[in-house]
Amino acid sequence: MDDLQKIKKMRYLPYIFGAILGISLALVIISGLIFSSVPRSSADLANPASTTPDGRIASMPAASIGESRRNAIVVATENVAPAVVTITTTFTRVYRPFLFDFEQWFGRHYFRPRKRSYSTLGSGVIIDGKGYILTNEHVVSRAEEINVTLSTGETLDGRLVGSAPDYDLALIKVDGKDLPYAPLGDSSDLLVGEWVIAIGSPFGWELSDPQPTVTVGVVSAFHREVRGESSERIYKDMIQTDAAINPGNSGGPLVNSRGEVIGINTFIFSQSGGSIGMGFAIPINRGKWVLDEIVHYGRVRSVWVGISAMSVTPEVAVSLNLKRRRGVLISSIEEDSPASKAGLKPGDLIVAVNGRDVTSVDQANHIIFGSRVGDELVMDIERKGKKQQYTIKLEEHPGDI
């Protein structure tokens, strides 16, 4: 009985294989008809042969490759890199070779102070045809001699025009003909995630030519407030980027994909000394302001409002019985200050400056210190539950006069 069932099953096998083969052939024919009916692009019609006689894929035309390589990053670099310079400074430091205690036995002749010369290196960017160069103040601080090496290899004498230590920016000048310079962009027009390019002279003397180094990254964040690792400065409103910024890059430009300088590379966070993707640049709009102040006044005039304040948090609001849970609370006002003249009083709650809501001291400072001496600030405040508006005319800080 079992043998009879096996014979019956085997009788249907040819039909099953035939059906499978027929379906496969039908699918092949249908797919061929579909692909043959699809119209080819004009590029395909112009270049019908996409493979070589031996079946290999033909290479792209040289013109097409060249066009694809010249992307926005390449073009932006070509626009700015010629204006990037290497800044070498020399300064003298006085030191004593031994402890002072030996002087009483051997006399001061053998242990008098000695001088030693040191050199530092950084980067900068030429910002106009007159030879003005913007860089970091810490690059040229204590400099007794400044040498500027252009991207062509030519070295020029530089002189310090002015500096703003509080903002870590300095302006130097060289005398030269037909100097290339970089266009300045708008650092208030930035997007987190947009491409940026860091250009500078990393590691200085270890590289044998003056050609600047280019690294690429994105804007990681902006409006950062950070303290420099090797500095007592507190940097406000900084641009954060993951473009590699290495030793020697300080003072070089941070460039957007349009080929405009949008920041001055300043420092990095690193435990190894090299880049780990956390670099910070000073916004170029602050650089423009510093440039204008130095050129017109020989110094950077600090704005003066004359108030001390604190950020209001929900906890502070509850403890002080405030109805509003966010804002800037004025704790004290300096006598005869712009704030005092405008009519502000301790206890006033600042809720907006120049039409922009403020919920913290940092936000208020961002607006105030982005202004200039002589500018007017319109402050919306709440006083005893009532909204009022005051106009403050900024003055130069008395300590700067």
Protein backbone atom coordinates (compact mmCIF):
# COMPACT_ATOMS: atom_id res chain seq x y z
CA MET A 1 0.00 0.00 0.00
CA ASP A 2 2.80 2.39 0.86
CA ASP A 3 4.57 1.63 -2.42
CA LEU A 4 1.39 2.47 -4.33
CA GLN A 5 1.12 5.89 -2.64
CA LYS A 6 4.75 6.70 -3.45
CA ILE A 7 4.15 5.85 -7.12
CA LYS A 8 1.11 8.19 -7.22
CA LYS A 9 3.13 11.08 -5.69
CA MET A 10 5.99 10.64 -8.13
CA ARG A 11 3.49 10.72 -11.03
CA TYR A 12 2.73 14.44 -10.24
CA LEU A 13 6.36 15.62 -9.91
CA PRO A 14 6.87 16.42 -13.63
CA TYR A 15 3.77 18.62 -13.61
CA ILE A 16 4.97 20.50 -10.53
CA PHE A 17 8.44 21.18 -11.99
CA GLY A 18 6.86 22.23 -15.27
CA ALA A 19 4.60 24.74 -13.54
CA ILE A 20 7.53 26.28 -11.61
CA LEU A 21 9.63 26.57 -14.78
CA GLY A 22 6.76 28.18 -16.68
CA ILE A 23 6.17 30.81 -14.00
CA SER A 24 9.90 31.67 -13.87
CA LEU A 25 10.09 32.17 -17.64
CA ALA A 26 7.01 34.38 -17.58
CA LEU A 27 8.52 36.62 -14.89
CA VAL A 28 11.75 37.01 -16.86
CA ILE A 29 9.88 38.01 -20.03
CA ILE A 30 7.64 40.51 -18.21
CA SER A 31 10.57 42.19 -16.43
CA GLY A 32 12.42 42.52 -19.72
CA LEU A 33 9.46 44.22 -21.31
CA ILE A 34 9.11 46.64 -18.39
CA PHE A 35 12.78 47.71 -18.39
CA SER A 36 12.89 48.05 -22.16
CA SER A 37 9.89 50.39 -22.07
CA VAL A 38 11.42 52.82 -19.52
CA PRO A 39 12.65 55.95 -21.36
CA ARG A 40 16.32 56.76 -20.96
CA SER A 41 17.56 60.15 -19.77
CA SER A 42 19.12 62.65 -22.13
CA ALA A 43 22.49 61.87 -20.56
CA ASP A 44 22.04 58.17 -21.36
CA LEU A 45 21.02 58.96 -24.96
CA ALA A 46 24.04 61.21 -25.39
CA ASN A 47 26.36 58.55 -23.93
CA PRO A 48 24.78 55.20 -24.81
CA ALA A 49 27.88 53.20 -23.94
CA SER A 50 28.09 52.93 -20.13
CA THR A 51 30.52 50.03 -20.14
CA THR A 52 33.80 49.24 -21.84
CA PRO A 53 34.09 46.42 -24.45
CA ASP A 54 35.33 44.04 -21.76
CA GLY A 55 32.32 44.77 -19.53
CA ARG A 56 33.93 47.23 -17.10
CA ILE A 57 32.00 50.37 -16.09
CA ALA A 58 33.27 53.41 -17.95
CA SER A 59 34.79 56.24 -15.84
CA MET A 60 33.09 59.62 -15.46
CA PRO A 61 34.26 62.48 -17.70
CA ALA A 62 37.03 64.56 -16.12
CA ALA A 63 34.86 67.70 -16.26
CA SER A 64 32.12 66.05 -14.18
CA ILE A 65 34.61 64.91 -11.54
CA GLY A 66 36.10 68.39 -11.31
CA GLU A 67 32.69 69.98 -10.84
CA SER A 68 31.74 67.53 -8.08
CA ARG A 69 35.01 68.14 -6.20
CA ARG A 70 34.66 71.93 -6.19
CA ASN A 71 31.99 72.00 -3.52
CA ALA A 72 31.06 74.91 -1.25
CA ILE A 73 33.78 74.01 1.27
CA VAL A 74 36.51 74.15 -1.38
CA VAL A 75 35.29 77.47 -2.79
CA ALA A 76 34.95 79.02 0.68
CA THR A 77 38.47 77.90 1.60
CA GLU A 78 39.90 79.38 -1.60
CA ASN A 79 38.26 82.70 -0.76
CA VAL A 80 39.60 82.98 2.79
CA ALA A 81 42.81 80.92 3.11
CA PRO A 82 45.05 83.48 1.31
CA ALA A 83 44.12 86.04 4.00
CA VAL A 84 45.13 83.78 6.92
CA VAL A 85 48.50 84.62 8.46
CA THR A 86 50.92 83.18 10.99
CA ILE A 87 51.80 85.53 13.86
CA THR A 88 55.10 85.05 15.68
CA THR A 89 55.78 87.14 18.77
CA THR A 90 58.94 87.55 20.82
CA PHE A 91 59.10 88.70 24.42
CA THR A 92 61.65 88.76 27.24
CA ARG A 93 61.20 87.28 30.68
CA VAL A 94 63.41 88.06 33.68
CA TYR A 95 64.31 85.20 36.00
CA ARG A 96 66.81 84.35 38.76
CA PRO A 97 68.94 81.24 38.29
CA PHE A 98 69.13 80.28 41.99
CA LEU A 99 67.43 80.93 45.29
CA PHE A 100 67.80 84.39 46.82
CA ASP A 101 69.37 82.96 49.99
CA PHE A 102 72.71 82.35 48.25
CA GLU A 103 73.22 86.10 47.64
CA GLN A 104 74.25 86.78 51.23
CA TRP A 105 77.28 84.46 50.90
CA PHE A 106 78.35 84.92 47.30
CA GLY A 107 77.13 88.42 46.52
CA ARG A 108 74.64 89.65 43.96
CA HIS A 109 77.13 89.60 41.09
CA TYR A 110 76.73 85.85 40.55
CA PHE A 111 73.01 85.72 41.19
CA ARG A 112 71.65 88.84 39.52
CA PRO A 113 68.48 88.49 37.39
CA ARG A 114 68.93 87.24 33.85
CA LYS A 115 66.84 87.74 30.75
CA ARG A 116 65.62 85.05 28.40
CA SER A 117 63.78 85.53 25.11
CA TYR A 118 60.71 83.48 24.28
CA SER A 119 58.64 83.11 21.15
CA THR A 120 54.97 82.25 20.74
CA LEU A 121 52.95 81.50 17.67
CA GLY A 122 49.34 81.96 16.64
CA SER A 123 47.15 82.81 13.69
CA GLY A 124 45.28 85.83 12.40
CA VAL A 125 43.18 86.96 9.46
CA ILE A 126 43.57 90.05 7.28
CA ILE A 127 40.23 91.87 7.31
CA ASP A 128 40.81 94.74 4.88
CA GLY A 129 43.15 95.98 2.19
CA LYS A 130 44.88 98.40 4.58
CA GLY A 131 46.62 95.53 6.36
CA TYR A 132 44.55 95.30 9.53
CA ILE A 133 44.69 91.83 11.08
CA LEU A 134 42.28 90.50 13.69
CA THR A 135 43.58 87.95 16.19
CA ASN A 136 43.30 86.93 19.85
CA GLU A 137 44.71 89.22 22.52
CA HIS A 138 46.47 86.28 24.18
CA VAL A 139 48.41 85.69 20.95
CA VAL A 140 50.12 89.10 21.12
CA SER A 141 50.06 89.89 24.84
CA ARG A 142 53.51 90.83 26.21
CA ALA A 143 54.85 90.94 22.64
CA GLU A 144 57.96 93.07 22.15
CA GLU A 145 58.27 92.09 18.50
CA ILE A 146 55.57 90.88 16.09
CA ASN A 147 56.27 89.14 12.79
CA VAL A 148 53.49 88.25 10.37
CA THR A 149 54.02 85.53 7.77
CA LEU A 150 51.62 85.60 4.82
CA SER A 151 50.32 82.49 3.09
CA THR A 152 52.82 83.24 0.30
CA GLY A 153 55.73 82.88 2.72
CA GLU A 154 56.53 86.60 2.87
CA THR A 155 57.20 87.90 6.40
CA LEU A 156 56.26 91.44 7.42
CA ASP A 157 56.75 93.47 10.58
CA GLY A 158 53.56 93.90 12.56
CA ARG A 159 52.57 96.48 15.13
CA LEU A 160 49.88 96.35 17.76
CA VAL A 161 47.16 98.93 17.07
CA GLY A 162 45.03 98.10 20.09
CA SER A 163 43.61 95.27 22.14
CA ALA A 164 40.63 94.33 24.27
CA PRO A 165 41.82 91.90 26.97
CA ASP A 166 38.31 91.49 28.39
CA TYR A 167 37.16 90.19 25.01
CA ASP A 168 40.44 88.45 24.05
CA LEU A 169 40.68 90.32 20.76
CA ALA A 170 43.51 92.41 19.30
CA LEU A 171 44.14 94.39 16.15
CA ILE A 172 47.56 94.49 14.51
CA LYS A 173 48.69 96.11 11.26
CA VAL A 174 51.21 95.37 8.56
CA ASP A 175 52.32 97.46 5.60
CA GLY A 176 52.04 95.61 2.32
CA LYS A 177 50.71 95.92 -1.21
CA ASP A 178 47.76 94.07 -2.71
CA LEU A 179 47.12 92.14 0.48
CA PRO A 180 44.32 89.58 0.24
CA TYR A 181 41.61 89.99 2.85
CA ALA A 182 38.64 87.94 3.99
CA PRO A 183 35.01 89.10 3.91
CA LEU A 184 33.30 89.34 7.29
CA GLY A 185 29.95 87.66 7.77
CA ASP A 186 27.15 87.99 10.32
CA SER A 187 27.58 85.78 13.38
CA SER A 188 23.98 86.42 14.43
CA ASP A 189 22.86 84.49 11.35
CA LEU A 190 23.97 80.98 12.32
CA LEU A 191 22.27 77.61 12.36
CA VAL A 192 23.19 74.74 14.66
CA GLY A 193 24.46 71.99 12.38
CA GLU A 194 25.59 74.18 9.48
CA TRP A 195 29.04 73.57 8.00
CA VAL A 196 31.97 75.69 9.20
CA ILE A 197 35.67 75.72 8.39
CA ALA A 198 38.52 76.40 10.83
CA ILE A 199 41.67 77.79 9.19
CA GLY A 200 44.96 78.46 10.94
CA SER A 201 48.57 77.49 11.51
CA PRO A 202 48.54 74.55 13.93
CA PHE A 203 51.78 73.43 15.59
CA GLY A 204 53.68 76.27 13.95
CA TRP A 205 57.36 75.53 13.49
CA GLU A 206 56.76 71.80 13.14
CA LEU A 207 55.34 72.48 9.67
CA SER A 208 57.87 73.61 7.09
CA ASP A 209 55.67 75.87 4.96
CA PRO A 210 53.32 78.81 5.64
CA GLN A 211 50.30 77.15 4.04
CA PRO A 212 47.40 77.23 6.53
CA THR A 213 45.64 74.08 7.65
CA VAL A 214 41.93 73.60 6.96
CA THR A 215 39.56 71.53 9.12
CA VAL A 216 35.82 71.14 8.71
CA GLY A 217 32.97 70.67 11.18
CA VAL A 218 29.62 72.10 12.13
CA VAL A 219 28.24 74.72 14.47
CA SER A 220 27.63 72.66 17.60
CA ALA A 221 26.01 75.46 19.60
CA PHE A 222 26.14 79.20 20.11
CA HIS A 223 25.67 81.71 22.96
CA ARG A 224 27.97 79.55 25.11
CA GLU A 225 29.44 81.04 28.29
CA VAL A 226 32.65 79.25 29.25
CA ARG A 227 35.83 79.81 31.22
CA GLY A 228 39.08 79.21 29.36
CA GLU A 229 41.08 76.29 30.72
CA SER A 230 44.34 78.25 30.94
CA SER A 231 42.82 81.67 31.55
CA GLU A 232 40.89 83.59 34.16
CA ARG A 233 38.73 85.06 31.40
CA ILE A 234 35.06 84.20 31.20
CA TYR A 235 34.06 84.06 27.56
CA LYS A 236 30.47 85.03 26.78
CA ASP A 237 28.32 84.35 23.74
CA MET A 238 30.83 81.93 22.18
CA ILE A 239 30.33 79.76 19.09
CA GLN A 240 31.00 76.08 19.75
CA THR A 241 32.24 73.88 16.90
CA ASP A 242 33.59 70.38 16.38
CA ALA A 243 35.94 71.56 13.61
CA ALA A 244 39.43 70.66 14.85
CA ILE A 245 41.17 73.63 16.48
CA ASN A 246 44.75 72.75 17.43
CA PRO A 247 47.63 74.62 19.10
CA GLY A 248 48.56 77.55 16.87
CA ASN A 249 45.02 77.95 15.51
CA SER A 250 44.20 80.68 18.03
CA GLY A 251 43.32 83.89 16.22
CA GLY A 252 42.50 82.19 12.94
CA PRO A 253 39.10 82.50 11.28
CA LEU A 254 36.04 80.29 11.56
CA VAL A 255 34.37 80.46 8.15
CA ASN A 256 30.89 79.58 6.91
CA SER A 257 30.14 77.77 3.66
CA ARG A 258 29.67 81.12 1.89
CA GLY A 259 33.31 81.99 2.48
CA GLU A 260 32.66 84.59 5.20
CA VAL A 261 34.44 84.89 8.54
CA ILE A 262 31.89 84.32 11.30
CA GLY A 263 34.25 83.82 14.25
CA ILE A 264 37.79 83.96 15.60
CA ASN A 265 39.06 80.58 16.84
CA THR A 266 40.09 81.00 20.47
CA PHE A 267 40.48 77.85 22.56
CA ILE A 268 39.50 74.21 23.01
CA PHE A 269 38.52 71.88 25.81
CA SER A 270 41.02 69.03 25.84
CA GLN A 271 42.82 66.76 28.28
CA SER A 272 45.36 65.64 25.69
CA GLY A 273 46.26 69.04 24.26
CA GLY A 274 44.77 68.16 20.87
CA SER A 275 41.30 68.63 19.49
CA ILE A 276 38.49 66.44 20.80
CA GLY A 277 35.73 68.22 18.95
CA MET A 278 35.03 70.97 21.48
CA GLY A 279 36.37 74.23 20.09
CA PHE A 280 35.16 77.76 20.73
CA ALA A 281 35.26 80.90 18.60
CA ILE A 282 34.51 84.55 19.35
CA PRO A 283 31.61 85.79 17.18
CA ILE A 284 32.79 88.07 14.38
CA ASN A 285 30.12 90.66 15.21
CA ARG A 286 32.00 91.30 18.44
CA GLY A 287 35.20 91.52 16.41
CA LYS A 288 33.62 94.18 14.18
CA TRP A 289 32.66 96.17 17.25
CA VAL A 290 36.15 95.89 18.77
CA LEU A 291 37.69 96.89 15.43
CA ASP A 292 35.50 99.97 15.18
CA GLU A 293 36.20 101.00 18.78
CA ILE A 294 39.97 100.66 18.42
CA VAL A 295 40.14 102.46 15.08
CA HIS A 296 38.00 105.39 16.24
CA TYR A 297 38.87 105.67 19.94
CA GLY A 298 42.15 103.80 20.36
CA ARG A 299 40.55 101.52 22.93
CA VAL A 300 37.41 99.52 23.58
CA ARG A 301 34.97 101.55 25.65
CA SER A 302 33.06 99.42 28.14
CA VAL A 303 29.34 100.15 28.37
CA TRP A 304 27.92 101.13 31.75
CA VAL A 305 24.38 100.53 32.98
CA GLY A 306 24.99 100.66 36.72
CA ILE A 307 22.81 97.86 38.04
CA SER A 308 23.40 94.66 39.99
CA ALA A 309 20.83 91.96 39.36
CA MET A 310 19.93 88.31 39.80
CA SER A 311 18.04 85.78 37.71
CA VAL A 312 14.56 84.95 38.96
CA THR A 313 13.82 81.25 39.24
CA PRO A 314 10.60 79.64 40.50
CA GLU A 315 12.30 79.12 43.87
CA VAL A 316 13.42 82.77 44.06
CA ALA A 317 9.94 83.93 43.04
CA VAL A 318 8.34 81.94 45.85
CA SER A 319 10.82 83.16 48.47
CA LEU A 320 10.34 86.82 47.43
CA ASN A 321 6.60 86.47 46.84
CA LEU A 322 6.87 87.46 43.16
CA LYS A 323 3.99 86.80 40.79
CA ARG A 324 6.27 86.33 37.78
CA ARG A 325 8.50 83.24 37.88
CA ARG A 326 11.03 84.41 35.28
CA GLY A 327 12.97 87.64 34.73
CA VAL A 328 15.89 89.69 36.06
CA LEU A 329 15.49 91.27 39.49
CA ILE A 330 17.44 94.49 40.19
CA SER A 331 19.10 94.24 43.60
CA SER A 332 21.01 97.56 43.60
CA ILE A 333 21.67 100.60 41.42
CA GLU A 334 24.83 102.72 41.34
CA GLU A 335 24.41 106.39 42.12
CA ASP A 336 24.35 108.74 39.12
CA SER A 337 24.46 105.78 36.73
CA PRO A 338 22.50 105.50 33.46
CA ALA A 339 19.99 103.21 35.19
CA SER A 340 19.55 105.69 38.03
CA LYS A 341 19.08 108.60 35.62
CA ALA A 342 16.47 106.63 33.69
CA GLY A 343 14.41 106.06 36.84
CA LEU A 344 15.01 102.38 37.58
CA LYS A 345 14.87 101.28 41.22
CA PRO A 346 16.00 98.29 43.30
CA GLY A 347 13.25 95.68 43.30
CA ASP A 348 12.26 96.33 39.68
CA LEU A 349 11.81 93.17 37.64
CA ILE A 350 13.22 93.39 34.10
CA VAL A 351 11.13 91.24 31.73
CA ALA A 352 12.31 92.50 28.32
CA VAL A 353 15.12 94.56 26.77
CA ASN A 354 14.64 96.17 23.37
CA GLY A 355 11.55 94.07 22.83
CA ARG A 356 13.28 90.77 23.57
CA ASP A 357 12.12 88.73 26.56
CA VAL A 358 14.79 88.09 29.18
CA THR A 359 14.55 85.32 31.74
CA SER A 360 18.10 85.42 33.11
CA VAL A 361 21.01 87.74 33.77
CA ASP A 362 22.96 86.05 30.96
CA GLN A 363 20.26 86.94 28.43
CA ALA A 364 20.18 90.54 29.62
CA ASN A 365 23.98 90.79 29.48
CA HIS A 366 23.97 89.36 25.96
CA ILE A 367 21.85 92.30 24.82
CA ILE A 368 23.51 94.96 26.96
CA PHE A 369 27.12 94.10 26.18
CA GLY A 370 26.30 93.70 22.51
CA SER A 371 25.48 97.42 22.52
CA ARG A 372 27.77 100.42 22.29
CA VAL A 373 28.35 103.55 24.30
CA GLY A 374 25.64 106.01 23.31
CA ASP A 375 23.09 103.35 22.36
CA GLU A 376 19.68 103.38 24.01
CA LEU A 377 18.08 100.37 25.70
CA VAL A 378 14.34 100.15 26.22
CA MET A 379 13.57 98.07 29.31
CA ASP A 380 10.16 96.66 30.15
CA ILE A 381 9.87 96.20 33.90
CA GLU A 382 7.32 95.23 36.50
CA ARG A 383 7.14 97.36 39.64
CA LYS A 384 4.66 96.35 42.33
CA GLY A 385 2.70 94.36 39.79
CA LYS A 386 2.45 97.18 37.24
CA LYS A 387 4.22 97.16 33.88
CA GLN A 388 6.34 100.18 32.99
CA GLN A 389 8.90 101.06 30.32
CA TYR A 390 12.16 102.98 30.71
CA THR A 391 14.80 104.13 28.22
CA ILE A 392 18.44 103.95 29.30
CA LYS A 393 21.23 105.71 27.40
CA LEU A 394 24.45 103.72 27.80
CA GLU A 395 27.55 105.56 28.99
CA GLU A 396 31.23 104.68 29.11
CA HIS A 397 32.25 102.99 32.33
CA PRO A 398 33.90 105.54 34.67
CA GLY A 399 36.82 103.19 35.22
CA ASP A 400 37.76 103.44 31.53
CA ILE A 401 37.82 107.24 31.37
